[in-house]
N, C-alpha and C. Protein backbone atom coordinates (compact mmCIF):
# COMPACT_ATOMS: atom_id res chain seq x y z
N MET A 1 16.51 5.44 -5.52
CA MET A 1 15.93 4.61 -4.62
C MET A 1 14.33 5.02 -4.56
N TRP A 2 13.56 3.92 -4.43
CA TRP A 2 12.16 3.95 -4.27
C TRP A 2 11.70 3.75 -2.85
N ILE A 3 10.50 4.40 -2.52
CA ILE A 3 9.86 4.23 -1.31
C ILE A 3 8.53 3.42 -1.59
N VAL A 4 8.49 2.19 -1.03
CA VAL A 4 7.26 1.37 -1.23
C VAL A 4 6.61 1.37 0.26
N VAL A 5 5.35 1.94 0.29
CA VAL A 5 4.57 2.04 1.41
C VAL A 5 3.34 1.23 1.44
N GLY A 6 3.33 0.27 2.40
CA GLY A 6 2.08 -0.47 2.58
C GLY A 6 1.24 0.16 3.79
N LEU A 7 -0.03 0.56 3.51
CA LEU A 7 -0.87 1.20 4.54
C LEU A 7 -1.55 0.10 5.20
N GLY A 8 -1.69 0.45 6.65
CA GLY A 8 -2.41 -0.39 7.42
C GLY A 8 -2.55 0.18 8.87
N ASN A 9 -3.11 -0.45 9.97
CA ASN A 9 -3.01 -0.07 11.22
C ASN A 9 -2.28 -0.93 12.09
N PRO A 10 -1.47 -0.41 13.00
CA PRO A 10 -0.57 -1.23 13.85
C PRO A 10 -1.31 -2.17 14.81
N GLY A 11 -0.82 -3.33 15.22
CA GLY A 11 -1.39 -4.05 16.33
C GLY A 11 -2.11 -5.34 15.84
N LYS A 12 -2.10 -6.38 16.61
CA LYS A 12 -2.81 -7.65 16.36
C LYS A 12 -4.22 -7.44 16.09
N LYS A 13 -4.93 -6.53 16.76
CA LYS A 13 -6.41 -6.23 16.61
C LYS A 13 -6.77 -6.09 15.13
N TYR A 14 -5.84 -5.51 14.46
CA TYR A 14 -6.10 -5.08 13.07
C TYR A 14 -5.33 -5.78 11.98
N SER A 15 -4.43 -6.81 12.38
CA SER A 15 -3.60 -7.42 11.58
C SER A 15 -4.01 -8.20 10.30
N ARG A 16 -5.11 -8.63 10.27
CA ARG A 16 -5.61 -9.43 9.00
C ARG A 16 -7.05 -8.81 8.58
N THR A 17 -7.31 -7.51 8.86
CA THR A 17 -8.51 -6.82 8.45
C THR A 17 -8.23 -6.26 7.08
N ARG A 18 -9.34 -5.91 6.35
CA ARG A 18 -9.41 -5.44 5.05
C ARG A 18 -8.53 -4.14 4.85
N HIS A 19 -8.53 -3.28 5.94
CA HIS A 19 -7.86 -1.98 5.88
C HIS A 19 -6.29 -2.20 5.84
N ASN A 20 -5.89 -3.41 6.20
CA ASN A 20 -4.44 -3.79 6.40
C ASN A 20 -3.80 -4.48 5.18
N ILE A 21 -4.54 -4.49 4.02
CA ILE A 21 -4.05 -5.06 2.88
C ILE A 21 -2.71 -4.62 2.50
N GLY A 22 -2.49 -3.35 2.67
CA GLY A 22 -1.22 -2.68 2.26
C GLY A 22 -0.08 -3.32 3.08
N PHE A 23 -0.30 -3.42 4.34
CA PHE A 23 0.66 -4.09 5.25
C PHE A 23 1.00 -5.66 4.77
N MET A 24 -0.22 -6.31 4.28
CA MET A 24 -0.10 -7.69 3.90
C MET A 24 0.95 -7.70 2.59
N VAL A 25 0.71 -6.83 1.79
CA VAL A 25 1.55 -6.69 0.53
C VAL A 25 2.96 -6.35 0.87
N ALA A 26 3.23 -5.45 1.84
CA ALA A 26 4.48 -5.11 2.26
C ALA A 26 5.36 -6.26 2.87
N GLU A 27 4.49 -7.12 3.63
CA GLU A 27 5.10 -8.26 4.39
C GLU A 27 5.52 -9.26 3.36
N GLU A 28 4.70 -9.38 2.30
CA GLU A 28 5.00 -10.36 1.30
C GLU A 28 6.23 -9.99 0.44
N ILE A 29 6.28 -8.63 0.12
CA ILE A 29 7.51 -8.13 -0.45
C ILE A 29 8.73 -8.34 0.35
N ALA A 30 8.64 -8.13 1.70
CA ALA A 30 9.79 -8.36 2.62
C ALA A 30 10.12 -9.92 2.67
N ARG A 31 9.19 -10.74 2.63
CA ARG A 31 9.43 -12.16 2.59
C ARG A 31 10.15 -12.57 1.32
N ARG A 32 9.56 -12.23 0.18
CA ARG A 32 10.08 -12.63 -1.12
C ARG A 32 11.40 -12.07 -1.33
N TYR A 33 11.66 -10.87 -1.02
CA TYR A 33 13.04 -10.17 -1.35
C TYR A 33 13.88 -10.19 -0.16
N GLU A 34 13.60 -10.89 0.91
CA GLU A 34 14.44 -10.97 2.18
C GLU A 34 14.82 -9.61 2.62
N ILE A 35 13.80 -8.68 2.81
CA ILE A 35 14.00 -7.43 3.40
C ILE A 35 13.55 -7.47 4.82
N ASP A 36 14.43 -7.11 5.77
CA ASP A 36 14.22 -7.14 7.26
C ASP A 36 13.62 -5.92 7.56
N LEU A 37 12.40 -5.93 8.09
CA LEU A 37 11.64 -4.87 8.62
C LEU A 37 11.90 -4.66 10.03
N LYS A 38 12.46 -3.30 10.30
CA LYS A 38 12.91 -3.04 11.77
C LYS A 38 11.82 -1.88 12.24
N GLU A 39 11.50 -2.11 13.50
CA GLU A 39 10.70 -1.07 13.94
C GLU A 39 11.38 0.14 14.50
N GLU A 40 10.77 1.32 14.04
CA GLU A 40 11.26 2.57 14.57
C GLU A 40 10.18 3.28 15.20
N GLU A 41 10.30 4.62 15.58
CA GLU A 41 9.38 5.21 16.21
C GLU A 41 7.99 5.37 15.44
N LYS A 42 8.04 5.79 14.12
CA LYS A 42 6.86 6.01 13.48
C LYS A 42 6.53 4.97 12.51
N TYR A 43 7.41 4.02 12.31
CA TYR A 43 7.25 3.01 11.09
C TYR A 43 8.14 1.89 11.28
N ARG A 44 7.78 0.76 10.63
CA ARG A 44 8.66 -0.23 10.23
C ARG A 44 9.30 -0.05 8.91
N ILE A 45 10.69 -0.24 8.91
CA ILE A 45 11.32 0.05 7.72
C ILE A 45 12.38 -0.99 7.34
N GLY A 46 12.48 -1.34 6.00
CA GLY A 46 13.46 -2.24 5.62
C GLY A 46 14.10 -1.64 4.34
N ARG A 47 15.45 -1.85 4.24
CA ARG A 47 16.23 -1.48 3.21
C ARG A 47 16.50 -2.71 2.44
N GLY A 48 16.38 -2.75 0.97
CA GLY A 48 16.67 -3.82 0.31
C GLY A 48 16.60 -3.49 -1.26
N SER A 49 16.47 -4.61 -2.00
CA SER A 49 16.32 -4.37 -3.44
C SER A 49 15.43 -5.42 -4.04
N ILE A 50 14.73 -4.96 -5.07
CA ILE A 50 13.71 -5.78 -5.77
C ILE A 50 14.31 -5.87 -7.24
N ASP A 51 14.88 -6.94 -7.46
CA ASP A 51 15.53 -7.21 -8.80
C ASP A 51 16.50 -6.19 -9.25
N GLY A 52 17.26 -5.69 -8.30
CA GLY A 52 18.29 -4.73 -8.62
C GLY A 52 17.96 -3.25 -8.30
N GLU A 53 16.60 -3.08 -8.12
CA GLU A 53 16.24 -1.62 -7.74
C GLU A 53 16.23 -1.44 -6.20
N LYS A 54 16.87 -0.56 -5.75
CA LYS A 54 16.94 -0.19 -4.25
C LYS A 54 15.52 0.32 -3.74
N VAL A 55 15.12 -0.18 -2.71
CA VAL A 55 13.88 0.22 -2.08
C VAL A 55 14.02 0.43 -0.58
N LEU A 56 13.22 1.41 -0.15
CA LEU A 56 12.80 1.34 1.26
C LEU A 56 11.34 0.92 1.48
N LEU A 57 11.30 -0.19 2.10
CA LEU A 57 9.83 -0.74 2.40
C LEU A 57 9.41 -0.19 3.78
N ILE A 58 8.08 0.47 3.75
CA ILE A 58 7.66 1.09 4.99
C ILE A 58 6.32 0.56 5.27
N GLU A 59 6.04 0.51 6.60
CA GLU A 59 4.80 0.25 7.16
C GLU A 59 4.56 1.29 8.27
N PRO A 60 3.84 2.31 8.00
CA PRO A 60 3.50 3.40 9.16
C PRO A 60 2.86 2.78 10.27
N LEU A 61 3.29 3.19 11.38
CA LEU A 61 2.73 2.77 12.60
C LEU A 61 2.00 3.71 13.50
N LEU A 62 1.52 4.78 12.82
CA LEU A 62 0.83 5.76 13.44
C LEU A 62 -0.81 5.84 13.30
N TYR A 63 -1.29 4.75 12.79
CA TYR A 63 -2.69 4.42 12.59
C TYR A 63 -2.79 5.21 11.13
N MET A 64 -3.89 4.75 10.51
CA MET A 64 -4.18 5.03 9.19
C MET A 64 -4.29 6.66 8.91
N ASN A 65 -4.94 7.21 9.72
CA ASN A 65 -5.31 8.78 9.55
C ASN A 65 -4.11 9.68 9.80
N ARG A 66 -2.94 8.95 10.25
CA ARG A 66 -1.70 9.84 10.45
C ARG A 66 -0.56 9.19 9.70
N SER A 67 -0.78 8.34 8.82
CA SER A 67 0.28 7.70 8.02
C SER A 67 1.12 8.72 7.28
N GLY A 68 0.59 9.73 6.82
CA GLY A 68 1.40 10.85 6.09
C GLY A 68 2.46 11.32 6.88
N LEU A 69 2.36 11.48 8.23
CA LEU A 69 3.52 11.87 9.07
C LEU A 69 4.71 10.93 8.93
N ALA A 70 4.50 9.69 8.88
CA ALA A 70 5.58 8.67 8.65
C ALA A 70 6.22 8.78 7.26
N VAL A 71 5.38 9.07 6.23
CA VAL A 71 5.79 9.11 4.92
C VAL A 71 6.54 10.31 4.67
N LYS A 72 6.07 11.49 5.17
CA LYS A 72 6.86 12.65 5.05
C LYS A 72 8.17 12.62 5.83
N ASP A 73 8.23 11.94 6.91
CA ASP A 73 9.52 11.87 7.62
C ASP A 73 10.46 11.03 6.71
N ILE A 74 9.99 9.91 6.10
CA ILE A 74 10.91 9.07 5.15
C ILE A 74 11.41 9.88 4.00
N ILE A 75 10.44 10.70 3.42
CA ILE A 75 10.87 11.40 2.17
C ILE A 75 11.86 12.52 2.51
N SER A 76 11.79 13.08 3.82
CA SER A 76 12.71 14.11 4.06
C SER A 76 14.05 13.49 4.50
N ARG A 77 13.90 12.36 5.40
CA ARG A 77 15.09 11.75 5.87
C ARG A 77 15.98 11.21 4.74
N PHE A 78 15.29 10.66 3.75
CA PHE A 78 16.23 10.03 2.64
C PHE A 78 16.31 10.91 1.30
N ASN A 79 15.55 12.12 1.37
CA ASN A 79 15.45 13.03 0.25
C ASN A 79 15.07 12.27 -1.06
N ILE A 80 14.08 11.71 -1.07
CA ILE A 80 13.50 10.85 -2.25
C ILE A 80 12.30 11.59 -2.79
N PRO A 81 12.35 11.89 -4.08
CA PRO A 81 11.36 12.63 -4.82
C PRO A 81 9.90 11.73 -4.73
N LEU A 82 8.82 12.52 -4.82
CA LEU A 82 7.55 11.88 -4.77
C LEU A 82 7.22 10.93 -5.88
N GLU A 83 7.74 11.24 -7.09
CA GLU A 83 7.64 10.29 -8.20
C GLU A 83 8.32 8.89 -8.01
N LYS A 84 9.04 8.77 -6.88
CA LYS A 84 9.59 7.43 -6.55
C LYS A 84 8.83 6.85 -5.26
N LEU A 85 7.64 7.30 -4.96
CA LEU A 85 6.71 6.89 -3.85
C LEU A 85 5.70 6.00 -4.40
N ILE A 86 5.59 4.86 -3.91
CA ILE A 86 4.43 3.94 -4.34
C ILE A 86 3.65 3.64 -3.02
N VAL A 87 2.50 3.93 -2.92
CA VAL A 87 1.64 3.73 -1.74
C VAL A 87 0.55 2.49 -2.05
N ILE A 88 0.51 1.51 -1.36
CA ILE A 88 -0.28 0.35 -1.44
C ILE A 88 -1.40 0.42 -0.40
N HIS A 89 -2.66 0.43 -0.94
CA HIS A 89 -3.79 0.58 0.04
C HIS A 89 -5.06 -0.18 -0.52
N ASP A 90 -5.96 -0.23 0.45
CA ASP A 90 -7.28 -0.88 0.06
C ASP A 90 -8.21 0.16 -0.58
N ASP A 91 -9.17 -0.37 -1.25
CA ASP A 91 -10.15 0.42 -1.99
C ASP A 91 -11.52 -0.26 -1.81
N LEU A 92 -12.37 0.46 -1.13
CA LEU A 92 -13.77 -0.05 -0.91
C LEU A 92 -14.60 -0.09 -2.21
N ASP A 93 -14.32 0.77 -3.06
CA ASP A 93 -15.10 0.83 -4.20
C ASP A 93 -14.77 -0.18 -5.48
N MET A 94 -13.88 -1.08 -5.18
CA MET A 94 -13.51 -2.13 -6.18
C MET A 94 -13.76 -3.39 -5.61
N GLU A 95 -14.04 -4.35 -6.52
CA GLU A 95 -14.32 -5.74 -6.10
C GLU A 95 -13.16 -6.36 -5.35
N VAL A 96 -13.52 -7.25 -4.48
CA VAL A 96 -12.27 -7.97 -3.63
C VAL A 96 -11.42 -8.59 -4.76
N GLY A 97 -10.09 -8.13 -4.44
CA GLY A 97 -9.00 -8.76 -5.18
C GLY A 97 -8.65 -8.00 -6.45
N LYS A 98 -9.43 -7.04 -6.88
CA LYS A 98 -9.07 -6.30 -8.17
C LYS A 98 -7.91 -5.32 -7.84
N LEU A 99 -7.11 -4.97 -8.74
CA LEU A 99 -6.01 -4.09 -8.67
C LEU A 99 -6.04 -2.93 -9.48
N ARG A 100 -5.71 -1.70 -9.11
CA ARG A 100 -5.59 -0.55 -10.02
C ARG A 100 -4.37 0.19 -9.67
N ILE A 101 -3.62 0.53 -10.65
CA ILE A 101 -2.36 1.49 -10.51
C ILE A 101 -2.79 2.93 -10.92
N ARG A 102 -2.52 3.92 -10.07
CA ARG A 102 -2.88 5.23 -10.49
C ARG A 102 -1.54 6.09 -10.38
N ARG A 103 -1.45 7.01 -11.23
CA ARG A 103 -0.15 7.91 -11.26
C ARG A 103 -0.33 8.98 -10.17
N LYS A 104 -1.58 9.40 -9.85
CA LYS A 104 -1.87 10.53 -9.02
C LYS A 104 -3.41 10.65 -8.71
N GLY A 105 -3.79 11.45 -7.93
CA GLY A 105 -5.32 11.56 -7.83
C GLY A 105 -5.68 11.93 -6.37
N LEU A 106 -6.99 12.04 -6.24
CA LEU A 106 -7.50 12.37 -4.86
C LEU A 106 -7.44 11.12 -3.98
N SER A 107 -7.92 11.39 -2.74
CA SER A 107 -7.88 10.23 -1.85
C SER A 107 -9.00 9.16 -2.00
N GLY A 108 -10.13 9.72 -2.58
CA GLY A 108 -11.31 8.70 -2.71
C GLY A 108 -11.90 8.41 -1.37
N GLY A 109 -11.61 9.36 -0.41
CA GLY A 109 -12.17 9.03 0.96
C GLY A 109 -11.26 8.17 1.88
N HIS A 110 -10.13 7.68 1.31
CA HIS A 110 -9.27 6.90 2.08
C HIS A 110 -8.46 7.78 3.07
N LYS A 111 -8.62 7.54 4.34
CA LYS A 111 -7.99 8.32 5.42
C LYS A 111 -6.45 8.43 5.29
N GLY A 112 -5.95 7.23 4.98
CA GLY A 112 -4.43 7.16 4.82
C GLY A 112 -3.84 7.93 3.84
N VAL A 113 -4.59 7.69 2.61
CA VAL A 113 -4.13 8.37 1.47
C VAL A 113 -4.31 9.99 1.63
N GLU A 114 -5.40 10.38 2.30
CA GLU A 114 -5.57 11.71 2.51
C GLU A 114 -4.54 12.33 3.47
N SER A 115 -4.12 11.58 4.51
CA SER A 115 -3.10 11.97 5.31
C SER A 115 -1.77 12.18 4.63
N ILE A 116 -1.41 11.31 3.60
CA ILE A 116 -0.26 11.51 2.89
C ILE A 116 -0.33 12.62 1.95
N ILE A 117 -1.45 12.86 1.30
CA ILE A 117 -1.62 14.02 0.45
C ILE A 117 -1.40 15.31 1.24
N GLN A 118 -1.95 15.44 2.45
CA GLN A 118 -1.86 16.61 3.31
C GLN A 118 -0.43 16.79 3.76
N SER A 119 0.23 15.59 4.16
CA SER A 119 1.52 15.76 4.82
C SER A 119 2.70 16.13 3.79
N VAL A 120 2.52 15.56 2.54
CA VAL A 120 3.46 15.93 1.57
C VAL A 120 3.12 17.03 0.67
N SER A 121 1.88 17.59 0.74
CA SER A 121 1.40 18.78 0.01
C SER A 121 1.34 18.42 -1.41
N SER A 122 0.94 17.17 -1.83
CA SER A 122 0.84 16.79 -3.23
C SER A 122 -0.01 15.55 -3.44
N LYS A 123 -0.63 15.45 -4.50
CA LYS A 123 -1.52 14.28 -4.93
C LYS A 123 -0.72 13.49 -5.89
N GLU A 124 0.58 13.79 -6.22
CA GLU A 124 1.29 13.28 -7.28
C GLU A 124 2.29 12.23 -6.77
N PHE A 125 1.65 11.09 -6.43
CA PHE A 125 2.39 9.85 -6.04
C PHE A 125 1.82 8.71 -6.63
N ILE A 126 2.38 7.63 -6.80
CA ILE A 126 1.82 6.42 -7.38
C ILE A 126 1.01 5.69 -6.21
N ARG A 127 -0.18 5.16 -6.68
CA ARG A 127 -1.00 4.38 -5.82
C ARG A 127 -1.22 3.00 -6.37
N LEU A 128 -1.17 1.98 -5.67
CA LEU A 128 -1.52 0.69 -6.02
C LEU A 128 -2.72 0.40 -5.04
N LYS A 129 -3.93 0.37 -5.77
CA LYS A 129 -5.05 0.01 -4.92
C LYS A 129 -5.48 -1.36 -5.12
N ILE A 130 -5.94 -1.91 -3.96
CA ILE A 130 -6.39 -3.34 -3.96
C ILE A 130 -7.86 -3.29 -3.51
N GLY A 131 -8.81 -3.91 -4.32
CA GLY A 131 -10.18 -3.91 -3.93
C GLY A 131 -10.58 -4.70 -2.68
N ILE A 132 -11.28 -4.25 -1.79
CA ILE A 132 -11.79 -5.07 -0.71
C ILE A 132 -13.29 -5.17 -0.67
N GLY A 133 -13.94 -4.64 -1.66
CA GLY A 133 -15.41 -4.77 -1.82
C GLY A 133 -16.11 -3.80 -0.77
N ARG A 134 -17.26 -3.85 -0.82
CA ARG A 134 -18.12 -3.07 0.12
C ARG A 134 -19.40 -3.87 0.45
N GLU A 135 -19.82 -3.98 1.72
CA GLU A 135 -21.01 -4.77 1.94
C GLU A 135 -22.11 -3.87 2.66
N ALA A 136 -23.38 -4.09 2.16
CA ALA A 136 -24.48 -3.34 2.57
C ALA A 136 -24.67 -3.66 4.07
N GLY A 137 -25.16 -2.70 4.77
CA GLY A 137 -25.34 -2.71 6.29
C GLY A 137 -24.26 -2.41 7.06
N PHE A 138 -23.16 -1.95 6.46
CA PHE A 138 -21.86 -1.62 7.36
C PHE A 138 -21.62 -0.03 7.02
N PHE A 139 -21.23 0.58 7.92
CA PHE A 139 -20.56 1.85 7.75
C PHE A 139 -19.20 1.64 7.20
N ALA A 140 -18.67 2.43 6.33
CA ALA A 140 -17.38 2.14 5.84
C ALA A 140 -16.23 2.05 6.82
N GLU A 141 -16.39 2.84 7.91
CA GLU A 141 -15.29 2.70 8.98
C GLU A 141 -15.29 1.44 9.70
N ASP A 142 -16.46 0.92 9.86
CA ASP A 142 -16.59 -0.45 10.34
C ASP A 142 -16.19 -1.55 9.48
N TYR A 143 -16.71 -1.38 8.25
CA TYR A 143 -16.51 -2.46 7.36
C TYR A 143 -14.91 -2.87 7.00
N VAL A 144 -14.10 -1.75 6.89
CA VAL A 144 -12.71 -1.83 6.56
C VAL A 144 -12.00 -2.62 7.71
N LEU A 145 -12.62 -2.62 9.03
CA LEU A 145 -11.99 -3.33 10.11
C LEU A 145 -12.36 -4.74 10.23
N THR A 146 -13.19 -5.13 9.12
CA THR A 146 -13.55 -6.65 9.26
C THR A 146 -12.52 -7.47 8.63
N ARG A 147 -12.53 -8.68 8.92
CA ARG A 147 -11.57 -9.71 8.25
C ARG A 147 -12.22 -10.19 6.93
N PHE A 148 -11.44 -10.75 6.07
CA PHE A 148 -11.96 -11.30 4.92
C PHE A 148 -12.75 -12.51 5.20
N ARG A 149 -13.87 -12.79 4.41
CA ARG A 149 -14.54 -13.99 4.63
C ARG A 149 -13.84 -15.11 3.97
N LYS A 150 -14.13 -16.41 4.38
CA LYS A 150 -13.49 -17.65 3.85
C LYS A 150 -13.53 -17.61 2.28
N ASP A 151 -14.65 -17.27 1.69
CA ASP A 151 -14.85 -17.32 0.33
C ASP A 151 -13.92 -16.19 -0.39
N GLU A 152 -13.40 -15.35 0.29
CA GLU A 152 -12.57 -14.17 -0.35
C GLU A 152 -11.02 -14.50 -0.13
N ILE A 153 -10.59 -15.40 0.73
CA ILE A 153 -9.31 -15.63 1.09
C ILE A 153 -8.39 -15.92 -0.17
N PHE A 154 -8.95 -16.78 -1.07
CA PHE A 154 -8.17 -17.06 -2.25
C PHE A 154 -8.02 -15.98 -3.24
N LEU A 155 -9.05 -15.06 -3.37
CA LEU A 155 -9.01 -13.95 -4.11
C LEU A 155 -7.90 -12.88 -3.60
N ILE A 156 -7.85 -12.83 -2.16
CA ILE A 156 -6.89 -11.88 -1.53
C ILE A 156 -5.43 -12.39 -1.66
N LYS A 157 -5.29 -13.67 -1.66
CA LYS A 157 -3.98 -14.31 -1.77
C LYS A 157 -3.45 -14.01 -3.21
N LYS A 158 -4.35 -14.25 -4.12
CA LYS A 158 -3.95 -13.93 -5.50
C LYS A 158 -3.65 -12.43 -5.78
N ALA A 159 -4.50 -11.68 -5.06
CA ALA A 159 -4.40 -10.11 -5.17
C ALA A 159 -2.94 -9.62 -4.67
N ILE A 160 -2.63 -10.29 -3.52
CA ILE A 160 -1.18 -9.99 -2.93
C ILE A 160 -0.09 -10.36 -3.77
N GLU A 161 -0.22 -11.43 -4.41
CA GLU A 161 0.94 -11.92 -5.32
C GLU A 161 0.89 -11.00 -6.55
N LYS A 162 -0.32 -10.66 -7.07
CA LYS A 162 -0.43 -9.77 -8.18
C LYS A 162 0.12 -8.42 -7.94
N ALA A 163 -0.14 -7.97 -6.72
CA ALA A 163 0.27 -6.61 -6.29
C ALA A 163 1.79 -6.59 -6.14
N LEU A 164 2.46 -7.70 -5.68
CA LEU A 164 3.91 -7.78 -5.62
C LEU A 164 4.44 -7.70 -7.03
N ASP A 165 3.74 -8.34 -7.98
CA ASP A 165 4.31 -8.28 -9.41
C ASP A 165 4.04 -6.98 -9.99
N ALA A 166 2.94 -6.20 -9.46
CA ALA A 166 2.79 -4.88 -10.09
C ALA A 166 3.80 -3.89 -9.61
N VAL A 167 4.18 -4.06 -8.30
CA VAL A 167 5.20 -3.17 -7.82
C VAL A 167 6.52 -3.40 -8.48
N THR A 168 6.87 -4.67 -8.78
CA THR A 168 8.03 -5.05 -9.48
C THR A 168 8.03 -4.45 -10.91
N SER A 169 6.90 -4.58 -11.55
CA SER A 169 6.76 -4.03 -12.85
C SER A 169 7.06 -2.54 -12.98
N ILE A 170 6.39 -1.86 -11.94
CA ILE A 170 6.55 -0.29 -11.82
C ILE A 170 8.05 -0.04 -11.78
N LEU A 171 8.82 -0.72 -10.89
CA LEU A 171 10.21 -0.59 -10.70
C LEU A 171 11.08 -0.86 -11.98
N LEU A 172 10.71 -1.88 -12.54
CA LEU A 172 11.54 -2.42 -13.67
C LEU A 172 11.11 -1.98 -15.13
N ASP A 173 9.79 -1.93 -15.33
CA ASP A 173 9.24 -1.56 -16.55
C ASP A 173 8.79 -0.17 -16.77
N GLY A 174 8.67 0.57 -15.66
CA GLY A 174 8.09 1.82 -15.76
C GLY A 174 6.56 1.81 -15.42
N LEU A 175 6.16 2.99 -14.92
CA LEU A 175 4.69 3.15 -14.63
C LEU A 175 3.64 2.94 -15.69
N ASP A 176 3.99 3.37 -16.96
CA ASP A 176 3.02 3.29 -18.00
C ASP A 176 2.80 1.83 -18.37
N GLU A 177 3.99 1.17 -18.48
CA GLU A 177 3.88 -0.21 -18.80
C GLU A 177 3.16 -1.07 -17.80
N ALA A 178 3.35 -0.73 -16.45
CA ALA A 178 2.76 -1.41 -15.40
C ALA A 178 1.28 -1.20 -15.42
N MET A 179 0.84 0.02 -15.70
CA MET A 179 -0.56 0.38 -15.69
C MET A 179 -1.18 -0.34 -16.96
N ASN A 180 -0.52 -0.38 -18.08
CA ASN A 180 -1.13 -1.14 -19.26
C ASN A 180 -1.34 -2.66 -18.90
N ARG A 181 -0.44 -3.09 -18.07
CA ARG A 181 -0.45 -4.64 -17.82
C ARG A 181 -1.40 -4.95 -16.76
N PHE A 182 -1.49 -4.12 -15.65
CA PHE A 182 -2.31 -4.53 -14.57
C PHE A 182 -3.69 -3.79 -14.43
N ASN A 183 -3.89 -2.79 -15.20
CA ASN A 183 -5.12 -2.10 -15.10
C ASN A 183 -6.21 -2.68 -16.14
N ARG A 184 -5.87 -3.82 -16.81
CA ARG A 184 -6.76 -4.31 -17.90
C ARG A 184 -8.03 -4.95 -17.39
N ASP A 185 -8.07 -5.61 -16.34
CA ASP A 185 -9.21 -6.36 -15.95
C ASP A 185 -10.02 -5.66 -14.93
C-alpha cells in the first residue's frame, strides 16, 4: 500500500491559496478515483486504489508546520515503509505550474516537508513538487498564502492534472520512469 499526502493548511481561509496546491491535487485524485476522504483528528483520510494500486490518500489538518505529526501517525498506524510515501507540495523556487519529482532531499525551506523530515527522522521519501512561483515585494510566508492570479489559473489546472498523472506513473511505472517522464521540462 502507498501513502499519498497532499500538503496544505486546513480551513476555508487557505483553501485556494498557493500553499494548498497539495490539497488541490489530493482532492482531484479523490474525485477521479472515487476515494472518499473522511475527517479524523489529525487528517482527512481516504482508502482506495489508483489503477489497481492500493493507496491511503491523506490531507494533514494540523497546519503546514505540523504536517509531519499526521504523516508519522499514518506510517505507524498502517506500518507502511517510507519508500511508499509520496508527498505533494508547493515550491516557491519553480515557475508556476512546473513539476519535479524527487526521490529524497532536504526541505528547501518548506515548513511542511521539514516537519515530515523531523517527524519520521528521514529525508528519504518521494516528493512531487509543484511550482507556485515567487513574486518580488512579498515575504515568502505571505506569498504562499495568496491566491493564484487569473492568468495563472490555466497553468495550475494543467499542473494538477499533470501531478495526478505523475502520481499514477510513480505507482504503476516506478519512480525512475516517472522521473524520466515528468522531470524533462
